[in-house]
Structures are given as C-alpha cells and as structure tokens.
C-alpha atoms as a PDB file:
ATOM      1  CA  MET A   1     -52.064 159.376   8.892  1.00  0.00           C
ATOM      2  CA  PRO A   2     -54.428 161.941  10.597  1.00  0.00           C
ATOM      3  CA  LYS A   3     -52.925 165.199  11.795  1.00  0.00           C
ATOM      4  CA  HIS A   4     -53.830 167.259  14.765  1.00  0.00           C
ATOM      5  CA  LYS A   5     -53.227 170.967  15.415  1.00  0.00           C
ATOM      6  CA  LEU A   6     -51.060 172.064  18.347  1.00  0.00           C
ATOM      7  CA  GLU A   7     -50.076 175.407  19.776  1.00  0.00           C
ATOM      8  CA  VAL A   8     -46.494 175.508  21.076  1.00  0.00           C
ATOM      9  CA  GLU A   9     -45.391 178.041  23.542  1.00  0.00           C
ATOM     10  CA  LEU A  10     -41.968 178.581  25.113  1.00  0.00           C
ATOM     11  CA  THR A  11     -41.918 178.582  28.930  1.00  0.00           C
ATOM     12  CA  LEU A  12     -39.899 181.575  30.117  1.00  0.00           C
ATOM     13  CA  ARG A  13     -39.782 180.727  33.771  1.00  0.00           C
ATOM     14  CA  TYR A  14     -40.584 177.338  35.279  1.00  0.00           C
ATOM     15  CA  SER A  15     -42.200 178.610  38.467  1.00  0.00           C
ATOM     16  CA  TYR A  16     -44.928 175.914  38.748  1.00  0.00           C
ATOM     17  CA  HIS A  17     -45.173 172.206  38.621  1.00  0.00           C
ATOM     18  CA  VAL A  18     -46.405 170.571  35.361  1.00  0.00           C
ATOM     19  CA  GLY A  19     -49.992 170.333  36.794  1.00  0.00           C
ATOM     20  CA  TRP A  20     -50.136 174.098  36.989  1.00  0.00           C
ATOM     21  CA  ARG A  21     -47.872 175.028  34.046  1.00  0.00           C
ATOM     22  CA  HIS A  22     -50.534 177.333  32.560  1.00  0.00           C
ATOM     23  CA  LEU A  23     -49.570 179.748  35.314  1.00  0.00           C
ATOM     24  CA  ASN A  24     -45.947 179.960  34.014  1.00  0.00           C
ATOM     25  CA  ASP A  25     -44.747 182.933  31.962  1.00  0.00           C
ATOM     26  CA  THR A  26     -44.772 181.780  28.276  1.00  0.00           C
ATOM     27  CA  LEU A  27     -44.136 183.176  24.807  1.00  0.00           C
ATOM     28  CA  TYR A  28     -46.204 181.935  21.840  1.00  0.00           C
ATOM     29  CA  LEU A  29     -43.890 180.125  19.276  1.00  0.00           C
ATOM     30  CA  PHE A  30     -45.974 178.457  16.556  1.00  0.00           C
ATOM     31  CA  ASP A  31     -49.027 176.415  15.535  1.00  0.00           C
ATOM     32  CA  GLY A  32     -47.966 173.041  14.193  1.00  0.00           C
ATOM     33  CA  ARG A  33     -49.421 169.815  12.867  1.00  0.00           C
ATOM     34  CA  MET A  34     -48.890 166.533  14.721  1.00  0.00           C
ATOM     35  CA  THR A  35     -49.401 163.039  13.417  1.00  0.00           C
ATOM     36  CA  THR A  36     -51.397 160.796  15.754  1.00  0.00           C
ATOM     37  CA  PRO A  37     -49.052 159.413  18.429  1.00  0.00           C
ATOM     38  CA  ARG A  38     -48.369 155.685  18.082  1.00  0.00           C
ATOM     39  CA  ARG A  39     -47.137 153.302  20.743  1.00  0.00           C
ATOM     40  CA  VAL A  40     -43.660 152.034  19.990  1.00  0.00           C
ATOM     41  CA  GLU A  41     -42.710 150.397  23.245  1.00  0.00           C
ATOM     42  CA  VAL A  42     -44.210 149.021  26.528  1.00  0.00           C
ATOM     43  CA  ASP A  43     -42.066 149.352  29.623  1.00  0.00           C
ATOM     44  CA  GLU A  44     -43.498 146.908  32.161  1.00  0.00           C
ATOM     45  CA  ASP A  45     -40.766 147.516  34.689  1.00  0.00           C
ATOM     46  CA  ARG A  46     -41.690 151.138  35.002  1.00  0.00           C
ATOM     47  CA  ASP A  47     -45.475 150.690  34.406  1.00  0.00           C
ATOM     48  CA  GLY A  48     -45.427 152.852  31.326  1.00  0.00           C
ATOM     49  CA  TRP A  49     -45.117 153.101  27.601  1.00  0.00           C
ATOM     50  CA  LEU A  50     -43.400 155.236  24.878  1.00  0.00           C
ATOM     51  CA  ASP A  51     -45.314 156.928  22.095  1.00  0.00           C
ATOM     52  CA  ARG A  52     -43.788 158.640  19.111  1.00  0.00           C
ATOM     53  CA  CYS A  53     -45.152 161.248  16.652  1.00  0.00           C
ATOM     54  CA  VAL A  54     -43.949 163.778  14.147  1.00  0.00           C
ATOM     55  CA  VAL A  55     -44.549 167.549  14.337  1.00  0.00           C
ATOM     56  CA  THR A  56     -44.526 169.597  11.105  1.00  0.00           C
ATOM     57  CA  LEU A  57     -44.375 173.323  10.682  1.00  0.00           C
ATOM     58  CA  SER A  58     -45.470 175.303   7.632  1.00  0.00           C
ATOM     59  CA  PRO A  59     -43.043 177.762   6.173  1.00  0.00           C
ATOM     60  CA  ALA A  60     -45.077 180.648   7.619  1.00  0.00           C
ATOM     61  CA  GLU A  61     -45.157 179.077  11.068  1.00  0.00           C
ATOM     62  CA  LEU A  62     -41.384 178.551  10.941  1.00  0.00           C
ATOM     63  CA  ALA A  63     -40.951 182.214  10.161  1.00  0.00           C
ATOM     64  CA  ARG A  64     -43.317 183.075  13.044  1.00  0.00           C
ATOM     65  CA  ALA A  65     -41.256 180.884  15.388  1.00  0.00           C
ATOM     66  CA  LYS A  66     -38.052 182.665  14.222  1.00  0.00           C
ATOM     67  CA  ARG A  67     -39.568 186.014  14.957  1.00  0.00           C
ATOM     68  CA  ALA A  68     -40.738 184.839  18.392  1.00  0.00           C
ATOM     69  CA  TYR A  69     -37.129 183.516  18.989  1.00  0.00           C
ATOM     70  CA  LYS A  70     -35.807 187.087  18.310  1.00  0.00           C
ATOM     71  CA  VAL A  71     -38.161 188.412  20.973  1.00  0.00           C
ATOM     72  CA  TYR A  72     -37.030 185.663  23.370  1.00  0.00           C
ATOM     73  CA  ARG A  73     -33.320 186.502  22.743  1.00  0.00           C
ATOM     74  CA  ALA A  74     -33.947 190.180  23.481  1.00  0.00           C
ATOM     75  CA  TRP A  75     -35.842 189.222  26.665  1.00  0.00           C
ATOM     76  CA  ALA A  76     -33.074 186.875  27.821  1.00  0.00           C
ATOM     77  CA  LYS A  77     -30.389 189.561  27.172  1.00  0.00           C
ATOM     78  CA  ALA A  78     -32.396 192.074  29.143  1.00  0.00           C
ATOM     79  CA  ASP A  79     -32.792 189.536  31.933  1.00  0.00           C
ATOM     80  CA  ARG A  80     -28.997 189.091  31.903  1.00  0.00           C
ATOM     81  CA  ALA A  81     -29.162 185.353  31.183  1.00  0.00           C
ATOM     82  CA  GLU A  82     -25.862 183.535  31.518  1.00  0.00           C
ATOM     83  CA  TRP A  83     -26.595 181.305  28.519  1.00  0.00           C
ATOM     84  CA  ILE A  84     -29.099 181.768  25.628  1.00  0.00           C
ATOM     85  CA  PRO A  85     -30.017 178.579  23.780  1.00  0.00           C
ATOM     86  CA  THR A  86     -30.054 178.436  19.983  1.00  0.00           C
ATOM     87  CA  PHE A  87     -33.219 178.498  17.868  1.00  0.00           C
ATOM     88  CA  THR A  88     -33.151 174.657  17.424  1.00  0.00           C
ATOM     89  CA  GLN A  89     -32.716 174.138  21.185  1.00  0.00           C
ATOM     90  CA  VAL A  90     -35.646 176.443  21.854  1.00  0.00           C
ATOM     91  CA  LEU A  91     -37.797 174.695  19.229  1.00  0.00           C
ATOM     92  CA  GLU A  92     -37.033 171.181  20.724  1.00  0.00           C
ATOM     93  CA  ARG A  93     -37.595 172.298  24.241  1.00  0.00           C
ATOM     94  CA  ALA A  94     -40.911 174.044  23.568  1.00  0.00           C
ATOM     95  CA  THR A  95     -42.263 171.169  21.520  1.00  0.00           C
ATOM     96  CA  GLY A  96     -41.233 168.589  24.086  1.00  0.00           C
ATOM     97  CA  ASP A  97     -42.819 170.646  26.818  1.00  0.00           C
ATOM     98  CA  TYR A  98     -46.103 170.659  24.913  1.00  0.00           C
ATOM     99  CA  PHE A  99     -46.454 166.973  25.641  1.00  0.00           C
ATOM    100  CA  ASP A 100     -45.675 167.154  29.298  1.00  0.00           C
ATOM    101  CA  ARG A 101     -48.565 166.107  31.525  1.00  0.00           C
ATOM    102  CA  GLY A 102     -48.896 165.503  35.173  1.00  0.00           C
ATOM    103  CA  CYS A 103     -51.658 165.357  37.776  1.00  0.00           C
ATOM    104  CA  ARG A 104     -52.316 167.709  40.677  1.00  0.00           C
ATOM    105  CA  CYS A 105     -52.693 165.021  43.278  1.00  0.00           C
ATOM    106  CA  GLU A 106     -51.061 165.647  46.754  1.00  0.00           C
ATOM    107  CA  HIS A 107     -49.929 162.069  47.181  1.00  0.00           C
ATOM    108  CA  ASP A 108     -48.053 159.435  45.235  1.00  0.00           C
ATOM    109  CA  CYS A 109     -49.640 156.230  43.895  1.00  0.00           C
ATOM    110  CA  CYS A 110     -52.691 158.079  42.578  1.00  0.00           C
ATOM    111  CA  GLY A 111     -52.714 155.931  39.442  1.00  0.00           C
ATOM    112  CA  HIS A 112     -52.769 158.942  37.064  1.00  0.00           C
ATOM    113  CA  VAL A 113     -50.509 158.978  34.015  1.00  0.00           C
ATOM    114  CA  SER A 114     -47.613 161.480  33.804  1.00  0.00           C
ATOM    115  CA  ALA A 115     -46.029 162.161  30.368  1.00  0.00           C
ATOM    116  CA  TYR A 116     -42.754 163.740  29.420  1.00  0.00           C
ATOM    117  CA  GLY A 117     -41.902 164.714  25.799  1.00  0.00           C
ATOM    118  CA  VAL A 118     -38.490 164.938  24.187  1.00  0.00           C
ATOM    119  CA  ALA A 119     -38.356 166.487  20.778  1.00  0.00           C
ATOM    120  CA  LYS A 120     -35.522 166.202  18.189  1.00  0.00           C
ATOM    121  CA  ARG A 121     -35.302 168.282  14.990  1.00  0.00           C
ATOM    122  CA  ILE A 122     -35.044 165.959  12.063  1.00  0.00           C
ATOM    123  CA  GLY A 123     -35.510 168.415   9.257  1.00  0.00           C
ATOM    124  CA  PRO A 124     -35.856 172.171   8.576  1.00  0.00           C
ATOM    125  CA  ARG A 125     -39.566 172.049   9.450  1.00  0.00           C
ATOM    126  CA  THR A 126     -39.954 168.600  11.125  1.00  0.00           C
ATOM    127  CA  LEU A 127     -39.490 167.424  14.769  1.00  0.00           C
ATOM    128  CA  SER A 128     -39.685 163.842  15.970  1.00  0.00           C
ATOM    129  CA  VAL A 129     -41.271 163.689  19.470  1.00  0.00           C
ATOM    130  CA  ARG A 130     -40.779 160.824  21.971  1.00  0.00           C
ATOM    131  CA  VAL A 131     -43.405 160.804  24.820  1.00  0.00           C
ATOM    132  CA  ARG A 132     -42.602 158.756  27.791  1.00  0.00           C
ATOM    133  CA  ASN A 133     -45.855 157.842  29.706  1.00  0.00           C
ATOM    134  CA  ILE A 134     -45.537 156.507  33.299  1.00  0.00           C
ATOM    135  CA  ILE A 135     -48.352 155.534  35.494  1.00  0.00           C
ATOM    136  CA  ASN A 136     -48.028 156.899  39.144  1.00  0.00           C
ATOM    137  CA  VAL A 137     -48.404 153.693  41.076  1.00  0.00           C
END
C-alpha cells in the first residue's frame, strides 16, 4: 500500500476556525508516514463518508515527538494549565487535527467537504485514523 508523508503539529491555542488554522500557535511534533486513506463507509443520511488510514512513526520521529511533548508540558505549566494531557492524548489529538479540513465560506450549503479526523493509538509507533467527511449541503 503506498505511503504519504505528513507533518504533524500540535495546536497550542485554538484561536481560529479550521479554515484559518494555519494562523493558530502550533508546536511541531513529528513527520510520519500515512497509508492511502480508503473509504470504509458511506453515510447517505448525513451526505458524507468515512475514510480510514494508518499513520506510522519511525523510532527517531517517536523520540522527536517525545522531546516536543516535554517542551509542550513546560509551556503548559508556565501557562498555568489546569490539566495537561498525556503523551498519547497529545499524539492522538495532533494526528486527528492534521486531517481536519473546512472551507472559508461565509454561508451554509456551499457544497464543500468538511473533514474531521479522530486518531487512536494502536501500537507504540502506530495510530489508526478515522476521517469523517461531510458535504456542506
């Protein structure tokens, strides 16, 4: 199965909508490899579909992600965060966020596709990602 490279960043503050997420404060986590997403379900009631893929990290990228997590923990403590997520939670959230897509339209029913990713760690260096795609109609 072909693999594609992806750069995963952790969003530190969600200040902007997904269409402008590149303006949010982020922290680089890792480069990973992703299998080509494959459609596993069609949801005609919600005018959408569900894709699934697997993201793998090399041992060096996992070590890089752990170092970045230490920086994140220090930042969160300095920011007086009430709750600091674990490394696995950060890894899952950042990987799922990578697959989030949205349009910048000012009105509903534009016909563009919005996507929302949810990642689950299934091994020490492997995450399974479910991407829910919904057409804005």
